[in-house]
C-alpha atoms as a PDB file:
ATOM      1  CA  MET A   1       0.000   0.000   0.000  1.00  0.00           C
ATOM      2  CA  ARG A   2       1.242   3.499  -0.807  1.00  0.00           C
ATOM      3  CA  ARG A   3       2.580   5.785   1.968  1.00  0.00           C
ATOM      4  CA  SER A   4      -0.246   8.318   1.540  1.00  0.00           C
ATOM      5  CA  SER A   5      -2.812   5.557   2.048  1.00  0.00           C
ATOM      6  CA  LEU A   6      -1.060   4.380   5.220  1.00  0.00           C
ATOM      7  CA  VAL A   7      -1.034   7.910   6.600  1.00  0.00           C
ATOM      8  CA  SER A   8      -4.762   8.292   5.884  1.00  0.00           C
ATOM      9  CA  LEU A   9      -5.540   4.936   7.515  1.00  0.00           C
ATOM     10  CA  SER A  10      -3.499   5.886  10.587  1.00  0.00           C
ATOM     11  CA  PHE A  11      -5.413   9.164  10.843  1.00  0.00           C
ATOM     12  CA  LEU A  12      -8.764   7.338  10.626  1.00  0.00           C
ATOM     13  CA  ALA A  13      -7.692   4.863  13.322  1.00  0.00           C
ATOM     14  CA  LEU A  14      -6.609   7.729  15.588  1.00  0.00           C
ATOM     15  CA  LEU A  15      -9.927   9.498  14.997  1.00  0.00           C
ATOM     16  CA  VAL A  16     -11.930   6.387  15.912  1.00  0.00           C
ATOM     17  CA  THR A  17      -9.874   5.861  19.078  1.00  0.00           C
ATOM     18  CA  ALA A  18     -10.349   9.478  20.164  1.00  0.00           C
ATOM     19  CA  THR A  19     -14.092   9.273  19.529  1.00  0.00           C
ATOM     20  CA  LEU A  20     -14.410   6.121  21.649  1.00  0.00           C
ATOM     21  CA  ASP A  21     -12.589   7.838  24.512  1.00  0.00           C
ATOM     22  CA  LEU A  22     -14.875  10.887  24.338  1.00  0.00           C
ATOM     23  CA  ILE A  23     -18.361   9.381  23.923  1.00  0.00           C
ATOM     24  CA  GLY A  24     -17.956   5.730  24.850  1.00  0.00           C
ATOM     25  CA  PRO A  25     -18.438   2.590  22.745  1.00  0.00           C
ATOM     26  CA  TRP A  26     -22.283   2.446  22.983  1.00  0.00           C
ATOM     27  CA  TRP A  27     -22.936   5.895  21.566  1.00  0.00           C
ATOM     28  CA  PHE A  28     -20.209   5.355  19.019  1.00  0.00           C
ATOM     29  CA  LEU A  29     -21.852   2.151  17.725  1.00  0.00           C
ATOM     30  CA  THR A  30     -25.339   3.694  17.583  1.00  0.00           C
ATOM     31  CA  GLY A  31     -23.901   6.570  15.598  1.00  0.00           C
ATOM     32  CA  LEU A  32     -22.374   4.259  13.002  1.00  0.00           C
ATOM     33  CA  ILE A  33     -25.686   3.644  11.227  1.00  0.00           C
ATOM     34  CA  PRO A  34     -26.343   7.243  10.110  1.00  0.00           C
ATOM     35  CA  ILE A  35     -22.641   7.694   9.368  1.00  0.00           C
ATOM     36  CA  ALA A  36     -22.629   4.584   7.171  1.00  0.00           C
ATOM     37  CA  ALA A  37     -25.779   5.791   5.419  1.00  0.00           C
ATOM     38  CA  LEU A  38     -24.184   9.184   4.776  1.00  0.00           C
ATOM     39  CA  ILE A  39     -21.007   7.570   3.426  1.00  0.00           C
ATOM     40  CA  ALA A  40     -23.063   5.353   1.103  1.00  0.00           C
ATOM     41  CA  LEU A  41     -25.052   8.342  -0.152  1.00  0.00           C
ATOM     42  CA  ILE A  42     -21.938  10.415  -0.819  1.00  0.00           C
ATOM     43  CA  GLY A  43     -20.270   7.448  -2.514  1.00  0.00           C
ATOM     44  CA  TYR A  44     -23.337   6.924  -4.686  1.00  0.00           C
ATOM     45  CA  LEU A  45     -23.612  10.572  -5.717  1.00  0.00           C
ATOM     46  CA  VAL A  46     -19.947  11.448  -6.191  1.00  0.00           C
ATOM     47  CA  SER A  47     -18.714  11.328  -9.766  1.00  0.00           C
ATOM     48  CA  TRP A  48     -15.463   9.668 -10.727  1.00  0.00           C
ATOM     49  CA  PRO A  49     -13.008  12.081 -12.353  1.00  0.00           C
ATOM     50  CA  ILE A  50     -11.786  11.769 -15.928  1.00  0.00           C
ATOM     51  CA  VAL A  51      -7.981  11.764 -15.769  1.00  0.00           C
ATOM     52  CA  THR A  52      -5.716  12.701 -18.677  1.00  0.00           C
ATOM     53  CA  ARG A  53      -1.945  12.745 -19.056  1.00  0.00           C
ATOM     54  CA  VAL A  54       0.053  13.881 -22.114  1.00  0.00           C
ATOM     55  CA  ALA A  55       3.687  13.479 -23.153  1.00  0.00           C
ATOM     56  CA  ASN A  56       5.766  14.166 -26.257  1.00  0.00           C
ATOM     57  CA  PHE A  57       8.282  11.741 -27.753  1.00  0.00           C
ATOM     58  CA  ARG A  58      11.030  12.111 -30.350  1.00  0.00           C
ATOM     59  CA  ARG A  59       9.893   8.979 -32.130  1.00  0.00           C
ATOM     60  CA  PRO A  60       7.439   8.494 -35.016  1.00  0.00           C
ATOM     61  CA  SER A  61       3.860   7.547 -34.214  1.00  0.00           C
ATOM     62  CA  GLU A  62       4.304   4.053 -35.636  1.00  0.00           C
ATOM     63  CA  ALA A  63       7.150   3.181 -33.239  1.00  0.00           C
ATOM     64  CA  VAL A  64       5.338   4.479 -30.160  1.00  0.00           C
ATOM     65  CA  TRP A  65       2.054   2.832 -31.140  1.00  0.00           C
ATOM     66  CA  GLN A  66       3.829  -0.496 -31.620  1.00  0.00           C
ATOM     67  CA  ALA A  67       5.423  -0.257 -28.163  1.00  0.00           C
ATOM     68  CA  LEU A  68       2.033   0.386 -26.551  1.00  0.00           C
ATOM     69  CA  ALA A  69       0.333  -2.343 -28.602  1.00  0.00           C
ATOM     70  CA  ASP A  70       2.870  -5.098 -27.850  1.00  0.00           C
ATOM     71  CA  TYR A  71       1.655  -6.044 -24.378  1.00  0.00           C
ATOM     72  CA  ARG A  72       3.827  -9.174 -24.340  1.00  0.00           C
ATOM     73  CA  SER A  73       6.903  -6.919 -24.140  1.00  0.00           C
ATOM     74  CA  PHE A  74       5.617  -4.562 -21.423  1.00  0.00           C
ATOM     75  CA  LYS A  75       7.679  -6.313 -18.743  1.00  0.00           C
ATOM     76  CA  THR A  76      10.923  -5.495 -20.590  1.00  0.00           C
ATOM     77  CA  TRP A  77      10.501  -1.726 -20.199  1.00  0.00           C
ATOM     78  CA  HIS A  78       7.780  -0.956 -17.659  1.00  0.00           C
ATOM     79  CA  SER A  79       9.525  -0.800 -14.275  1.00  0.00           C
ATOM     80  CA  HIS A  80       6.271  -1.071 -12.282  1.00  0.00           C
ATOM     81  CA  LEU A  81       5.246  -4.460 -13.674  1.00  0.00           C
ATOM     82  CA  ARG A  82       6.115  -7.735 -11.993  1.00  0.00           C
ATOM     83  CA  CYS A  83       4.725  -9.921 -14.789  1.00  0.00           C
ATOM     84  CA  VAL A  84       2.290 -10.007 -17.728  1.00  0.00           C
ATOM     85  CA  GLU A  85       0.140 -13.103 -18.253  1.00  0.00           C
ATOM     86  CA  GLU A  86      -1.691 -13.665 -21.511  1.00  0.00           C
ATOM     87  CA  LEU A  87      -5.342 -14.690 -21.059  1.00  0.00           C
ATOM     88  CA  PRO A  88      -7.899 -16.311 -23.392  1.00  0.00           C
ATOM     89  CA  SER A  89      -9.449 -13.818 -25.815  1.00  0.00           C
ATOM     90  CA  GLN A  90     -12.979 -12.499 -25.248  1.00  0.00           C
ATOM     91  CA  SER A  91     -15.256 -11.688 -28.183  1.00  0.00           C
ATOM     92  CA  GLY A  92     -12.216 -11.666 -30.426  1.00  0.00           C
ATOM     93  CA  HIS A  93     -10.354  -9.191 -28.182  1.00  0.00           C
ATOM     94  CA  CYS A  94      -6.895  -9.985 -26.835  1.00  0.00           C
ATOM     95  CA  CYS A  95      -6.722 -10.083 -23.023  1.00  0.00           C
ATOM     96  CA  TRP A  96      -3.950 -10.188 -20.453  1.00  0.00           C
ATOM     97  CA  CYS A  97      -3.286  -9.701 -16.743  1.00  0.00           C
ATOM     98  CA  GLU A  98      -0.648  -7.303 -15.456  1.00  0.00           C
ATOM     99  CA  THR A  99       0.740  -7.702 -11.938  1.00  0.00           C
ATOM    100  CA  SER A 100       2.060  -4.535 -10.345  1.00  0.00           C
ATOM    101  CA  SER A 101       5.237  -4.432  -8.291  1.00  0.00           C
ATOM    102  CA  ASP A 102       4.216  -1.261  -6.426  1.00  0.00           C
ATOM    103  CA  TYR A 103       2.680  -3.158  -3.497  1.00  0.00           C
ATOM    104  CA  ASP A 104       3.822  -5.737  -0.961  1.00  0.00           C
ATOM    105  CA  LYS A 105       1.383  -8.292  -2.394  1.00  0.00           C
ATOM    106  CA  PRO A 106       0.755  -8.914  -6.114  1.00  0.00           C
ATOM    107  CA  MET A 107      -2.049  -6.649  -7.374  1.00  0.00           C
ATOM    108  CA  PRO A 108      -3.535  -7.902 -10.659  1.00  0.00           C
ATOM    109  CA  VAL A 109      -4.852  -5.629 -13.409  1.00  0.00           C
ATOM    110  CA  TRP A 110      -7.013  -7.315 -16.045  1.00  0.00           C
ATOM    111  CA  VAL A 111      -6.924  -5.721 -19.494  1.00  0.00           C
ATOM    112  CA  GLU A 112      -9.018  -6.298 -22.613  1.00  0.00           C
ATOM    113  CA  ARG A 113      -8.211  -4.489 -25.865  1.00  0.00           C
ATOM    114  CA  LEU A 114     -11.469  -3.093 -27.252  1.00  0.00           C
ATOM    115  CA  ASP A 115     -10.111  -1.174 -30.231  1.00  0.00           C
ATOM    116  CA  SER A 116      -6.869  -0.811 -32.147  1.00  0.00           C
ATOM    117  CA  VAL A 117      -6.232   1.698 -34.942  1.00  0.00           C
ATOM    118  CA  SER A 118      -2.617   1.803 -36.090  1.00  0.00           C
ATOM    119  CA  PRO A 119      -0.804   4.131 -35.502  1.00  0.00           C
ATOM    120  CA  GLU A 120      -3.382   6.451 -33.932  1.00  0.00           C
ATOM    121  CA  LYS A 121      -5.350   4.837 -31.143  1.00  0.00           C
ATOM    122  CA  LEU A 122      -5.686   2.017 -28.620  1.00  0.00           C
ATOM    123  CA  VAL A 123      -8.655   1.450 -26.301  1.00  0.00           C
ATOM    124  CA  HIS A 124      -8.274  -0.848 -23.296  1.00  0.00           C
ATOM    125  CA  LEU A 125     -10.919  -2.010 -20.834  1.00  0.00           C
ATOM    126  CA  VAL A 126      -9.155  -2.119 -17.459  1.00  0.00           C
ATOM    127  CA  ARG A 127     -10.272  -3.831 -14.253  1.00  0.00           C
ATOM    128  CA  PHE A 128      -8.355  -3.884 -11.001  1.00  0.00           C
ATOM    129  CA  ALA A 129      -9.082  -4.574  -7.347  1.00  0.00           C
ATOM    130  CA  LEU A 130      -8.216  -2.876  -4.084  1.00  0.00           C
ATOM    131  CA  TRP A 131      -6.619  -6.063  -2.764  1.00  0.00           C
ATOM    132  CA  PRO A 132      -5.229  -9.283  -4.295  1.00  0.00           C
ATOM    133  CA  MET A 133      -7.923 -11.227  -6.171  1.00  0.00           C
ATOM    134  CA  SER A 134      -7.708 -14.197  -8.503  1.00  0.00           C
ATOM    135  CA  SER A 135     -10.290 -12.867 -10.986  1.00  0.00           C
ATOM    136  CA  SER A 136     -12.412  -9.835 -11.828  1.00  0.00           C
ATOM    137  CA  ASP A 137     -15.711 -11.728 -11.815  1.00  0.00           C
ATOM    138  CA  ASN A 138     -17.237  -9.595  -9.037  1.00  0.00           C
ATOM    139  CA  PRO A 139     -17.758  -6.138 -10.594  1.00  0.00           C
ATOM    140  CA  ARG A 140     -18.653  -4.519  -7.258  1.00  0.00           C
ATOM    141  CA  LEU A 141     -15.189  -5.187  -5.846  1.00  0.00           C
ATOM    142  CA  VAL A 142     -13.136  -3.781  -8.696  1.00  0.00           C
ATOM    143  CA  PHE A 143     -12.543  -0.612 -10.658  1.00  0.00           C
ATOM    144  CA  GLN A 144     -13.666  -0.793 -14.223  1.00  0.00           C
ATOM    145  CA  GLY A 145     -12.913   1.740 -16.877  1.00  0.00           C
ATOM    146  CA  GLN A 146     -11.222   2.544 -20.149  1.00  0.00           C
ATOM    147  CA  TRP A 147      -7.743   3.714 -20.931  1.00  0.00           C
ATOM    148  CA  VAL A 148      -7.739   5.457 -24.305  1.00  0.00           C
ATOM    149  CA  TYR A 149      -4.339   6.025 -25.929  1.00  0.00           C
ATOM    150  CA  GLU A 150      -4.365   8.685 -28.658  1.00  0.00           C
ATOM    151  CA  ILE A 151      -1.185   9.165 -30.679  1.00  0.00           C
ATOM    152  CA  SER A 152      -0.791  12.178 -32.951  1.00  0.00           C
ATOM    153  CA  PRO A 153       2.236  13.245 -35.043  1.00  0.00           C
ATOM    154  CA  THR A 154       4.264  16.350 -34.175  1.00  0.00           C
ATOM    155  CA  PRO A 155       7.132  18.063 -36.056  1.00  0.00           C
ATOM    156  CA  SER A 156       9.674  16.388 -33.749  1.00  0.00           C
ATOM    157  CA  GLY A 157       7.962  13.001 -33.299  1.00  0.00           C
ATOM    158  CA  CYS A 158       4.574  12.348 -31.729  1.00  0.00           C
ATOM    159  CA  ARG A 159       2.338  13.150 -28.776  1.00  0.00           C
ATOM    160  CA  VAL A 160       0.650  10.500 -26.601  1.00  0.00           C
ATOM    161  CA  ARG A 161      -2.503  11.314 -24.661  1.00  0.00           C
ATOM    162  CA  ILE A 162      -3.856   8.789 -22.140  1.00  0.00           C
ATOM    163  CA  THR A 163      -7.406   9.346 -20.915  1.00  0.00           C
ATOM    164  CA  GLU A 164      -8.951   7.257 -18.147  1.00  0.00           C
ATOM    165  CA  ARG A 165     -12.686   6.984 -17.567  1.00  0.00           C
ATOM    166  CA  SER A 166     -13.310   4.633 -14.655  1.00  0.00           C
ATOM    167  CA  THR A 167     -16.126   3.582 -12.349  1.00  0.00           C
ATOM    168  CA  LEU A 168     -16.469   1.833  -9.005  1.00  0.00           C
ATOM    169  CA  LYS A 169     -19.945   0.460  -8.307  1.00  0.00           C
ATOM    170  CA  ASN A 170     -19.608  -0.115  -4.558  1.00  0.00           C
ATOM    171  CA  PRO A 171     -20.482   3.262  -2.934  1.00  0.00           C
ATOM    172  CA  PHE A 172     -18.561   2.534   0.286  1.00  0.00           C
ATOM    173  CA  LEU A 173     -15.402   1.631  -1.610  1.00  0.00           C
ATOM    174  CA  LYS A 174     -15.826   4.642  -3.877  1.00  0.00           C
ATOM    175  CA  PHE A 175     -16.028   6.988  -0.876  1.00  0.00           C
ATOM    176  CA  PHE A 176     -12.917   5.635   0.854  1.00  0.00           C
ATOM    177  CA  VAL A 177     -10.876   5.266  -2.323  1.00  0.00           C
ATOM    178  CA  ARG A 178     -11.457   8.933  -3.124  1.00  0.00           C
ATOM    179  CA  ILE A 179      -9.970   9.723   0.321  1.00  0.00           C
ATOM    180  CA  LEU A 180      -7.150   7.180   0.466  1.00  0.00           C
ATOM    181  CA  CYS A 181      -6.046   6.791  -3.169  1.00  0.00           C
ATOM    182  CA  SER A 182      -7.133   9.987  -4.868  1.00  0.00           C
ATOM    183  CA  GLY A 183      -3.877  10.347  -6.815  1.00  0.00           C
ATOM    184  CA  GLY A 184      -3.264   6.701  -7.638  1.00  0.00           C
ATOM    185  CA  HIS A 185      -4.694   6.779 -11.137  1.00  0.00           C
ATOM    186  CA  SER A 186      -2.747   9.781 -12.377  1.00  0.00           C
ATOM    187  CA  GLN A 187       0.460   8.375 -10.842  1.00  0.00           C
ATOM    188  CA  ARG A 188      -0.001   5.127 -12.726  1.00  0.00           C
ATOM    189  CA  MET A 189      -0.546   6.948 -16.018  1.00  0.00           C
ATOM    190  CA  THR A 190       2.497   9.128 -15.416  1.00  0.00           C
ATOM    191  CA  ALA A 191       4.610   6.050 -14.688  1.00  0.00           C
ATOM    192  CA  TRP A 192       3.565   4.487 -18.004  1.00  0.00           C
ATOM    193  CA  LEU A 193       4.593   7.549 -20.000  1.00  0.00           C
ATOM    194  CA  VAL A 194       7.880   8.048 -18.127  1.00  0.00           C
ATOM    195  CA  ASP A 195       8.872   4.408 -18.634  1.00  0.00           C
ATOM    196  CA  LEU A 196       7.848   4.603 -22.287  1.00  0.00           C
ATOM    197  CA  GLY A 197      10.260   7.499 -22.687  1.00  0.00           C
ATOM    198  CA  LYS A 198      13.045   5.528 -20.992  1.00  0.00           C
ATOM    199  CA  LYS A 199      12.447   2.689 -23.443  1.00  0.00           C
ATOM    200  CA  PHE A 200      13.368   5.115 -26.232  1.00  0.00           C
ATOM    201  CA  GLY A 201      16.229   6.690 -24.283  1.00  0.00           C
ATOM    202  CA  GLU A 202      14.303   9.906 -23.611  1.00  0.00           C
ATOM    203  CA  GLU A 203      13.583  11.967 -20.504  1.00  0.00           C
ATOM    204  CA  THR A 204       9.846  12.516 -20.636  1.00  0.00           C
ATOM    205  CA  GLN A 205       7.880  15.481 -19.287  1.00  0.00           C
ATOM    206  CA  VAL A 206       4.318  14.457 -18.438  1.00  0.00           C
ATOM    207  CA  ASN A 207       1.561  17.097 -18.409  1.00  0.00           C
ATOM    208  CA  GLU A 208      -2.130  17.143 -17.593  1.00  0.00           C
END
């Protein structure tokens, strides 16, 4: 788990302990019901942000598109991946599972390629959980969204724009994830673009 998440969890634990000392366990427990209802309502109503990151590369669009399309080679240049496992195709779409090395325990990310237009665009359906899971069969326990890669030529090479549109159906998880992991998505997108630049021997500046 990331350091910011641990700090937030420690703060929540301290808050609960202080509340128990002030009002006692009985009043604390009876107050949990309206608090839980409020959290569920906020989680249901809150919208999930659309996140975008952009970077320029001194390589032609075809070369960058090929690097992003060849998921079997991700492990050779993406420093945050522990492994990439190819999965059976679904509806004619190639699928794979990426395991991140950013956490103490393996955290799988299931990916399905929905669209591929060389050398301009890739659309991936992405699912990932808040804790280690063997599959993404339960949609209420995982994020689900799209990563859209748009590649456009520039005078010096090309520009890559990654746009994420994600959802989380469980309102309780949505509420706490917005508090504990609010920057996780943009950090992951930034890491992809930075490592892509390193693959080509470039120092990449990532912008919103």
